Protein backbone atom coordinates (compact mmCIF):
# COMPACT_ATOMS: atom_id res chain seq x y z
CA MET A 1 -63.76 -41.16 -3.88
CA ALA A 2 -65.07 -42.84 -6.88
CA ARG A 3 -64.01 -46.31 -7.99
CA THR A 4 -62.75 -44.65 -10.80
CA ALA A 5 -60.25 -42.47 -9.54
CA ASP A 6 -59.29 -44.36 -7.07
CA TYR A 7 -58.12 -46.79 -9.64
CA THR A 8 -56.90 -43.87 -11.85
CA ILE A 9 -54.37 -42.55 -8.59
CA GLN A 10 -53.18 -45.96 -7.97
CA GLY A 11 -51.95 -46.69 -11.18
CA PHE A 12 -49.96 -43.01 -11.00
CA LEU A 13 -48.76 -44.29 -7.48
CA TYR A 14 -47.56 -47.67 -8.48
CA GLN A 15 -45.87 -45.87 -11.75
CA PHE A 16 -43.93 -44.08 -9.00
CA ASN A 17 -43.04 -46.87 -6.81
CA LYS A 18 -41.77 -48.60 -9.92
CA THR A 19 -39.45 -45.30 -10.62
CA LEU A 20 -38.27 -45.39 -6.74
CA LEU A 21 -37.72 -48.97 -7.02
CA GLU A 22 -35.17 -48.48 -10.86
CA ILE A 23 -33.56 -45.39 -9.38
CA LEU A 24 -32.72 -47.18 -5.89
CA ARG A 25 -31.64 -50.30 -7.74
CA ALA A 26 -29.00 -48.21 -10.29
CA ALA A 27 -25.77 -47.40 -9.51
CA GLY A 28 -25.40 -44.09 -7.61
CA ASP A 29 -24.41 -42.12 -11.08
CA SER A 30 -26.67 -43.72 -13.51
CA VAL A 31 -29.45 -41.19 -14.64
CA VAL A 32 -33.11 -41.92 -14.05
CA THR A 33 -35.55 -39.57 -16.35
CA VAL A 34 -38.99 -39.67 -14.72
CA GLU A 35 -41.49 -40.01 -17.58
CA GLY A 36 -38.53 -40.35 -20.15
CA ILE A 37 -38.49 -40.82 -24.08
CA VAL A 38 -41.73 -43.27 -24.02
CA GLU A 39 -43.53 -42.31 -20.94
CA ASP A 40 -43.00 -43.40 -17.40
CA ILE A 41 -39.05 -44.03 -16.93
CA GLU A 42 -35.63 -43.67 -18.44
CA ILE A 43 -32.59 -45.09 -17.46
CA VAL A 44 -29.51 -44.22 -19.24
CA ALA A 45 -26.13 -46.60 -17.69
CA GLY A 46 -23.06 -46.06 -19.24
CA ASP A 47 -23.44 -46.08 -23.06
CA VAL A 48 -27.38 -48.12 -22.48
CA THR A 49 -30.51 -46.47 -21.99
CA THR A 50 -33.62 -48.59 -21.16
CA ALA A 51 -37.19 -47.17 -21.66
CA ILE A 52 -39.49 -48.45 -19.40
CA GLN A 53 -43.26 -48.70 -20.08
CA CYS A 54 -45.18 -49.52 -16.17
CA LYS A 55 -49.17 -50.63 -16.71
CA TYR A 56 -51.29 -51.39 -13.71
CA HIS A 57 -54.82 -53.14 -13.92
CA GLU A 58 -56.75 -53.75 -11.06
CA SER A 59 -58.32 -57.37 -9.92
CA ASN A 60 -60.78 -56.83 -12.51
CA ASP A 61 -59.17 -56.53 -15.65
CA ALA A 62 -57.74 -59.91 -16.92
CA PHE A 63 -55.49 -59.78 -19.53
CA THR A 64 -55.86 -59.20 -23.16
CA LEU A 65 -53.24 -58.71 -25.61
CA SER A 66 -55.05 -55.26 -26.79
CA SER A 67 -54.88 -54.32 -23.40
CA ILE A 68 -50.45 -53.37 -24.42
CA TYR A 69 -51.71 -52.22 -27.79
CA LYS A 70 -51.01 -49.05 -26.77
CA PRO A 71 -47.45 -49.59 -25.22
CA LEU A 72 -46.63 -51.91 -27.76
CA LEU A 73 -47.16 -49.62 -30.45
CA GLN A 74 -45.33 -46.68 -28.88
CA MET A 75 -42.16 -48.50 -28.07
CA MET A 76 -42.50 -49.46 -31.90
CA GLU A 77 -42.95 -45.92 -33.22
CA HIS A 78 -39.72 -44.92 -31.06
CA PHE A 79 -37.42 -47.80 -31.88
CA HIS A 80 -38.40 -47.36 -35.88
CA VAL A 81 -38.07 -43.68 -35.82
CA ARG A 82 -36.22 -42.28 -33.03
CA SER A 83 -34.26 -44.75 -31.77
CA GLY A 84 -31.40 -45.56 -33.88
CA GLY A 85 -31.33 -48.76 -32.70
CA LYS A 86 -29.71 -47.50 -29.13
CA VAL A 87 -32.60 -48.16 -26.62
CA ASN A 88 -33.59 -50.87 -25.04
CA TYR A 89 -37.86 -51.27 -24.13
CA LEU A 90 -39.36 -52.83 -21.03
CA LEU A 91 -42.98 -53.15 -20.60
CA TYR A 92 -43.29 -53.76 -17.17
CA ALA A 93 -47.31 -54.65 -16.06
CA HIS A 94 -49.92 -55.90 -13.51
CA PHE A 95 -52.20 -58.04 -14.08
CA PRO A 96 -53.25 -59.81 -10.89
CA GLY A 97 -53.63 -63.79 -11.21
CA LEU A 98 -51.00 -63.70 -14.05
CA ALA A 99 -48.13 -65.74 -14.14
CA PRO A 100 -44.20 -64.73 -14.12
CA ASP A 101 -43.93 -65.88 -17.61
CA GLY A 102 -48.10 -64.84 -18.71
CA ILE A 103 -47.29 -62.08 -21.23
CA LYS A 104 -45.55 -63.33 -24.34
CA VAL A 105 -44.99 -61.28 -27.62
CA THR A 106 -43.81 -62.83 -30.38
CA GLU A 107 -44.07 -61.18 -34.32
CA ALA A 108 -47.57 -62.97 -35.02
CA GLU A 109 -48.74 -61.05 -31.67
CA LEU A 110 -47.29 -57.53 -33.20
CA LYS A 111 -48.97 -57.67 -36.53
CA THR A 112 -52.13 -58.30 -34.56
CA ALA A 113 -51.45 -54.94 -32.91
CA LEU A 114 -50.62 -53.42 -35.97
CA GLY A 115 -53.70 -54.71 -37.86
CA SER A 116 -55.98 -52.74 -35.16
CA GLN A 117 -58.83 -50.78 -36.59
CA ASN A 118 -58.65 -48.52 -32.99
CA LYS A 119 -58.70 -44.63 -34.15
CA ASP A 120 -56.55 -43.53 -31.02
CA TYR A 121 -53.31 -45.93 -32.55
CA GLN A 122 -53.47 -45.19 -35.99
CA LYS A 123 -50.98 -42.89 -35.66
CA TYR A 124 -48.50 -45.20 -34.12
CA ILE A 125 -49.20 -47.61 -36.75
CA GLU A 126 -49.05 -45.54 -39.96
CA ALA A 127 -45.40 -44.33 -38.32
CA VAL A 128 -43.76 -47.97 -38.17
CA LYS A 129 -44.78 -48.95 -41.70
CA GLY A 130 -41.22 -50.68 -43.10
CA ILE A 131 -40.25 -51.51 -39.23
CA SER A 132 -38.22 -55.26 -38.67
CA LEU A 133 -40.47 -56.81 -36.14
CA ASP A 134 -37.49 -59.34 -35.75
CA LYS A 135 -35.41 -56.43 -34.47
CA PHE A 136 -37.63 -55.35 -32.42
CA LEU A 137 -38.28 -57.73 -30.13
CA GLN A 138 -34.67 -58.11 -29.40
CA LYS A 139 -34.83 -55.01 -27.83
CA PHE A 140 -37.82 -55.82 -26.91
CA SER A 141 -38.93 -57.58 -23.37
CA ALA A 142 -41.93 -57.81 -20.93
CA GLU A 143 -42.22 -58.65 -17.67
CA VAL A 144 -45.29 -59.60 -15.11
CA GLY A 145 -45.37 -56.75 -12.51
CA LEU A 146 -45.29 -57.19 -8.67
CA SER A 147 -48.80 -56.43 -7.25
CA TYR A 148 -49.13 -52.81 -5.58
CA ASP A 149 -48.35 -54.23 -2.22
CA ASP A 150 -45.06 -55.91 -3.31
CA LEU A 151 -43.22 -53.56 -4.95
CA ALA A 152 -44.22 -50.63 -2.34
CA LYS A 153 -42.58 -53.09 0.42
CA GLU A 154 -39.50 -53.71 -2.37
CA VAL A 155 -39.01 -49.83 -2.28
CA ALA A 156 -39.00 -50.04 1.61
CA ASN A 157 -36.73 -52.76 1.68
CA GLU A 158 -34.37 -50.63 -0.60
CA LEU A 159 -34.82 -47.31 1.60
CA VAL A 160 -33.45 -49.46 4.32
CA ALA A 161 -30.09 -51.06 2.17
CA ALA A 162 -29.47 -47.47 1.38
CA GLY A 163 -29.23 -46.49 5.37
CA PHE A 164 -32.29 -45.21 6.20
CA ASP A 165 -33.96 -46.63 10.09
CA ARG A 166 -36.51 -48.41 8.99
CA GLY A 167 -39.11 -46.72 11.77
CA GLU A 168 -39.33 -43.36 9.39
CA ILE A 169 -39.92 -45.13 6.24
CA GLU A 170 -43.19 -45.84 6.33
CA THR A 171 -44.40 -41.85 7.54
CA LEU A 172 -41.43 -39.82 6.76
CA VAL A 173 -38.68 -41.22 3.94
CA TYR A 174 -41.36 -43.64 1.70
CA PRO A 175 -43.92 -40.76 1.89
CA ASN A 176 -41.54 -37.86 0.84
CA ALA A 177 -39.65 -39.90 -2.33
CA ILE A 178 -43.12 -40.61 -3.66
CA GLN A 179 -43.88 -37.16 -3.60
CA THR A 180 -40.55 -36.17 -4.65
CA ILE A 181 -41.36 -39.01 -8.18
CA ALA A 182 -45.07 -36.92 -8.34
CA SER A 183 -43.28 -33.93 -8.03
CA LEU A 184 -40.73 -34.48 -10.99
CA SER A 185 -43.49 -36.32 -13.09
CA ILE A 186 -44.92 -32.68 -13.78
CA LEU A 187 -41.81 -30.68 -14.72
CA HIS A 188 -42.12 -29.71 -18.35
CA GLN A 189 -38.48 -29.32 -18.96
CA GLU A 190 -37.04 -32.91 -19.73
CA GLN A 191 -33.51 -31.75 -18.06
CA GLN A 192 -35.45 -31.09 -14.99
CA ARG A 193 -37.28 -34.33 -14.93
CA LYS A 194 -33.68 -36.14 -14.54
CA VAL A 195 -31.99 -37.82 -10.94
CA THR A 196 -29.56 -40.20 -9.94
CA LYS A 197 -29.96 -42.36 -7.43
CA ASN A 198 -27.12 -40.22 -5.32
CA GLN A 199 -28.61 -37.16 -5.58
CA LEU A 200 -32.42 -38.26 -4.63
CA LEU A 201 -30.61 -40.48 -1.07
CA ALA A 202 -29.25 -36.91 -0.51
CA ASP A 203 -31.99 -34.89 -0.84
CA LEU A 204 -34.49 -37.30 1.25
CA ARG A 205 -31.67 -37.45 4.16
CA GLN A 206 -32.39 -33.49 4.31
CA ILE A 207 -36.25 -33.58 4.68
CA ARG A 208 -37.36 -33.88 8.62
CA VAL A 209 -40.85 -33.38 7.99
CA THR A 210 -44.06 -35.28 5.74
CA ALA A 211 -45.19 -34.00 2.64
CA ILE A 212 -48.58 -34.05 3.10
CA THR A 213 -50.59 -33.96 -0.59
CA HIS A 214 -52.75 -35.47 -2.62
CA TRP A 215 -50.47 -37.80 -3.59
CA THR A 216 -48.76 -38.65 -0.12
CA LEU A 217 -52.49 -38.83 1.67
CA ALA A 218 -53.20 -41.92 -1.42
CA LEU A 219 -50.74 -44.25 0.21
CA LYS A 220 -52.43 -46.68 2.43
CA SER A 221 -50.15 -45.46 5.27
CA ARG A 222 -52.56 -42.66 5.65
CA HIS A 223 -53.71 -42.55 8.58
CA ALA A 224 -49.66 -42.50 9.73
CA ILE A 225 -48.92 -40.28 8.12
CA LEU A 226 -51.37 -37.57 9.60
CA ALA A 227 -50.80 -38.70 12.75
CA ALA A 228 -46.84 -37.97 12.24
CA ARG A 229 -47.25 -34.81 10.54
CA ARG A 230 -49.38 -33.07 13.51
CA LYS A 231 -46.87 -34.82 15.73
CA GLN A 232 -44.14 -32.56 13.48
CA LEU A 233 -46.40 -29.66 13.92
CA LYS A 234 -46.68 -29.52 17.52
CA SER A 235 -43.50 -28.19 18.83
CA ASN A 236 -43.90 -24.77 16.81
CA LEU A 237 -47.95 -24.17 17.56
CA SER A 238 -47.44 -24.75 21.23
CA LYS A 239 -45.38 -21.62 21.38
CA ASN A 240 -47.01 -18.64 22.53
CA VAL A 241 -44.78 -15.90 20.91
CA ARG A 242 -45.07 -17.08 17.11
CA SER A 243 -45.40 -14.85 14.30
CA ARG A 244 -47.81 -17.47 11.49
CA TYR A 245 -49.19 -16.34 8.71
CA PHE A 246 -52.00 -18.90 6.35
CA LEU A 247 -52.49 -19.13 2.97
CA LEU A 248 -55.67 -20.89 1.95
CA HIS A 249 -56.40 -21.94 -1.49
CA ALA A 250 -59.58 -21.58 -1.37
CA ASP A 251 -60.59 -23.64 -4.15
CA ALA A 252 -58.52 -26.50 -3.09
CA ILE A 253 -60.37 -27.37 -0.46
CA ASP A 254 -63.46 -28.78 -0.13
CA GLY A 255 -66.59 -27.05 1.58
CA PHE A 256 -64.54 -24.06 2.20
CA ASP A 257 -67.23 -21.81 2.24
CA ASP A 258 -69.07 -23.38 4.68
CA GLN A 259 -65.93 -24.10 7.25
CA ALA A 260 -63.54 -21.41 6.53
CA VAL A 261 -64.62 -18.97 9.20
CA LEU A 262 -64.99 -21.48 12.08
CA LEU A 263 -61.54 -22.40 10.79
CA VAL A 264 -60.49 -19.03 11.43
CA SER A 265 -62.83 -19.10 14.76
CA ASP A 266 -61.59 -22.36 15.96
CA TYR A 267 -57.65 -21.00 15.36
CA LEU A 268 -58.63 -18.38 17.84
CA ASP A 269 -59.92 -19.61 20.70
CA LYS A 270 -57.10 -22.08 20.64
CA TYR A 271 -53.76 -20.13 20.14
CA HIS A 272 -54.79 -16.51 20.31
CA PHE A 273 -56.32 -15.70 23.21
CA LYS A 274 -54.21 -15.07 25.81
CA ALA A 275 -52.43 -11.73 26.78
CA SER A 276 -48.96 -13.86 26.13
CA HIS A 277 -50.46 -14.14 22.70
CA THR A 278 -48.86 -11.45 20.69
CA ARG A 279 -48.30 -12.12 17.55
CA THR A 280 -52.05 -10.99 15.44
CA PRO A 281 -52.41 -13.71 12.54
CA VAL A 282 -52.21 -13.29 9.31
CA PHE A 283 -54.55 -15.10 7.16
CA CYS A 284 -54.33 -14.78 3.28
CA ILE A 285 -57.43 -16.00 1.15
CA ASN A 286 -56.93 -17.03 -2.41
CA THR A 287 -59.99 -16.15 -3.97
CA ASP A 288 -62.14 -14.33 -5.90
CA PRO A 289 -63.15 -10.38 -4.61
CA ASP A 290 -66.52 -11.14 -4.11
CA ARG A 291 -65.63 -14.67 -2.31
CA PHE A 292 -62.73 -12.91 0.18
CA ARG A 293 -65.73 -10.26 0.98
CA SER A 294 -68.08 -12.27 1.88
CA ILE A 295 -65.11 -14.26 4.33
CA HIS A 296 -64.89 -10.14 5.87
CA ASN A 297 -68.28 -10.05 6.08
CA ARG A 298 -69.04 -13.09 8.07
CA LEU A 299 -66.16 -13.20 10.39
CA MET A 300 -67.46 -9.76 11.52
CA GLN A 301 -71.36 -11.50 12.08
CA LYS A 302 -68.64 -13.34 14.72
CA ASP A 303 -67.20 -10.57 16.27
CA ILE A 304 -63.99 -11.27 14.98
CA VAL A 305 -62.44 -7.86 13.57
CA ALA A 306 -60.15 -8.84 11.02
CA ASN A 307 -57.54 -5.70 10.31
CA THR A 308 -57.12 -5.43 6.25
CA GLY A 309 -55.24 -2.77 6.19
CA VAL A 310 -57.49 -0.41 3.79
CA GLU A 311 -58.30 2.90 4.64
CA GLY A 312 -60.91 4.54 2.56
CA ASP A 313 -60.53 2.55 -0.84
CA VAL A 314 -56.28 2.71 0.11
CA PHE A 315 -54.52 0.14 1.09
CA ARG A 316 -51.73 0.89 3.61
CA GLU A 317 -48.94 -1.12 4.69
CA GLU A 318 -48.46 0.48 8.12
CA ARG A 319 -51.92 0.05 8.79
CA PHE A 320 -51.90 -3.58 8.26
CA ILE A 321 -49.09 -3.94 10.44
CA ARG A 322 -49.40 -2.38 12.82
CA GLU A 323 -50.30 -4.06 16.13
CA PRO A 324 -53.46 -3.55 17.62
CA LEU A 325 -54.84 -2.03 21.26
CA VAL A 326 -55.93 -4.36 24.01
CA GLN A 327 -57.86 -3.56 26.63
CA LYS A 328 -58.32 -5.71 30.01
CA LYS A 329 -62.28 -6.62 30.05
CA ASP A 330 -64.00 -9.11 32.51
CA GLY A 331 -60.55 -10.74 33.57
CA GLY A 332 -59.32 -11.20 30.00
CA ILE A 333 -58.50 -8.83 26.80
CA ARG A 334 -60.24 -7.23 24.13
CA ARG A 335 -58.05 -6.47 21.32
CA GLU A 336 -58.74 -3.79 18.91
CA PHE A 337 -58.58 -6.56 15.95
CA SER A 338 -57.52 -10.70 16.13
CA ILE A 339 -56.70 -11.37 12.83
CA ARG A 340 -54.83 -9.04 9.65
CA LEU A 341 -56.94 -10.47 6.55
CA MET A 342 -56.16 -9.86 2.90
CA ARG A 343 -56.93 -11.85 -0.37
CA PHE A 344 -53.77 -12.85 -2.07
CA GLY A 345 -52.56 -11.56 -5.48
CA GLU A 346 -53.15 -7.94 -3.54
CA ASN A 347 -50.67 -6.47 -1.86
CA ASN A 348 -48.47 -9.52 -0.98
CA GLY A 349 -45.82 -7.53 -1.03
CA VAL A 350 -46.35 -6.85 2.37
CA LEU A 351 -45.59 -10.31 3.33
CA ASN A 352 -42.47 -10.06 1.65
CA ASN A 353 -41.85 -6.48 3.53
CA LYS A 354 -43.09 -8.27 7.09
CA LYS A 355 -42.39 -11.66 7.06
CA GLY A 356 -43.43 -14.06 9.71
CA ASP A 357 -41.97 -17.23 11.58
CA ASP A 358 -44.43 -19.71 9.81
CA LEU A 359 -46.36 -19.97 6.42
CA PHE A 360 -49.14 -22.54 6.69
CA VAL A 361 -49.82 -23.20 2.87
CA LEU A 362 -53.49 -24.85 3.54
CA GLY A 363 -54.91 -26.68 0.24
CA ASP A 364 -52.98 -27.64 -3.12
CA GLY A 365 -51.74 -24.69 -4.37
CA GLY A 366 -48.25 -23.84 -3.26
CA HIS A 367 -46.86 -20.33 -1.70
CA ASP A 368 -45.45 -18.84 -6.07
CA GLY A 369 -44.49 -14.96 -5.34
CA LEU A 370 -44.10 -14.55 -1.89
CA ASP A 371 -40.12 -15.33 0.00
CA VAL A 372 -39.91 -17.72 1.87
CA LYS A 373 -36.29 -16.91 2.98
CA ASP A 374 -35.91 -17.46 7.04
CA VAL A 375 -39.43 -18.80 7.08
CA ASN A 376 -40.35 -21.67 8.03
CA VAL A 377 -43.14 -22.66 5.37
CA GLU A 378 -45.73 -25.96 6.06
CA GLU A 379 -47.64 -27.08 3.26
CA LEU A 380 -50.60 -28.87 3.97
CA GLY A 381 -51.58 -30.01 0.72
CA THR A 382 -55.20 -31.52 1.89
CA ALA A 383 -58.32 -30.86 0.58
CA SER A 384 -60.30 -31.83 3.88
CA ILE A 385 -60.93 -29.00 6.08
CA ALA A 386 -61.22 -32.07 8.90
CA GLU A 387 -57.60 -32.68 8.24
CA ILE A 388 -56.71 -29.23 8.16
CA LYS A 389 -58.03 -29.17 11.30
CA TYR A 390 -56.23 -32.39 13.24
CA LEU A 391 -52.90 -31.39 11.67
CA ILE A 392 -53.02 -27.89 13.69
CA GLY A 393 -54.47 -29.17 16.57
CA LEU A 394 -57.66 -27.99 16.39
CA SER A 395 -59.14 -31.24 16.57
CA ASP A 396 -58.52 -34.42 17.36
CA VAL A 397 -60.80 -36.40 14.70
CA TYR A 398 -60.55 -36.09 11.18
CA GLU A 399 -62.97 -37.72 9.31
């Protein structure tokens, strides 16, 4: 991953950690909005509203006033135009090596920001004409943020203080908390992005599996998270009689075209080769028709017979869900077909009419349109085939 991409993800994770810390330190019923009125975090406690802008800069970024022009101008614009004087503003910014009192903002600094010629800032500068800088400063404060690692440690300590087992923090509670904040941050409606401490803690106590997403896999505990999730999956995967559906999001998985057929082959070699393996797995691929046909043809070239439910040019549900004929051969067995194969978006209703025990969602893409009531859903939102194979027990390594 490129350095810039690393730092972008790190910046988001830093914001998620700060959001978590604010929630965990708030009163139980205080309402926190993720991505609030001036981005990032909004806290409403009684009659007091606090808007927090969170900025994270890496080790090579020295602090300069221009580094905080944008958040300053955004807060000034909100104060002048929309706040009615009822909102407090906090700039929480991390610059390595900066002293705890290293960010001082006075009227002189604000005037300098207002004099910026940067074209991206002109809409804010125009909007705050006539602002009382003195009154704004009475509502504004700046704080030098903790390092990323120290902030994450504070979050972990607060989770322990809330009653969670410290032994489960790294691989269960903390990654799920991060993913909860990440999921809230992308919701379009502001009301949907609101949460309280009591609600968050209640939700975290109900979750017993570790979220596998690009956010949780970007955490420094990635190795431990993968190992923990593999262990969680092992119990059901070890059962001989289990109806498993796999939804593969082709565009979300790196090297899908090269690895998809091998993934299916490896799965059959591990989990569907005995006479006691009586439930035919379903592989549902989210891709375009041409790519789907290519995968189907390559499976046949590896002697993996797939039942697509198509007779002539017509899909027949009863043909798709029927069980294969099985013959004993050379001390083993040979099935009429080894898998059921379908393209996501075509005939999805069959998956709702004939539900599996488990739905494995491989790659970041969700399962919209599928009825998952009474189905055990395992979402593995990694882009790596190697990690998918490791998680479902097809390989002992993932790098």
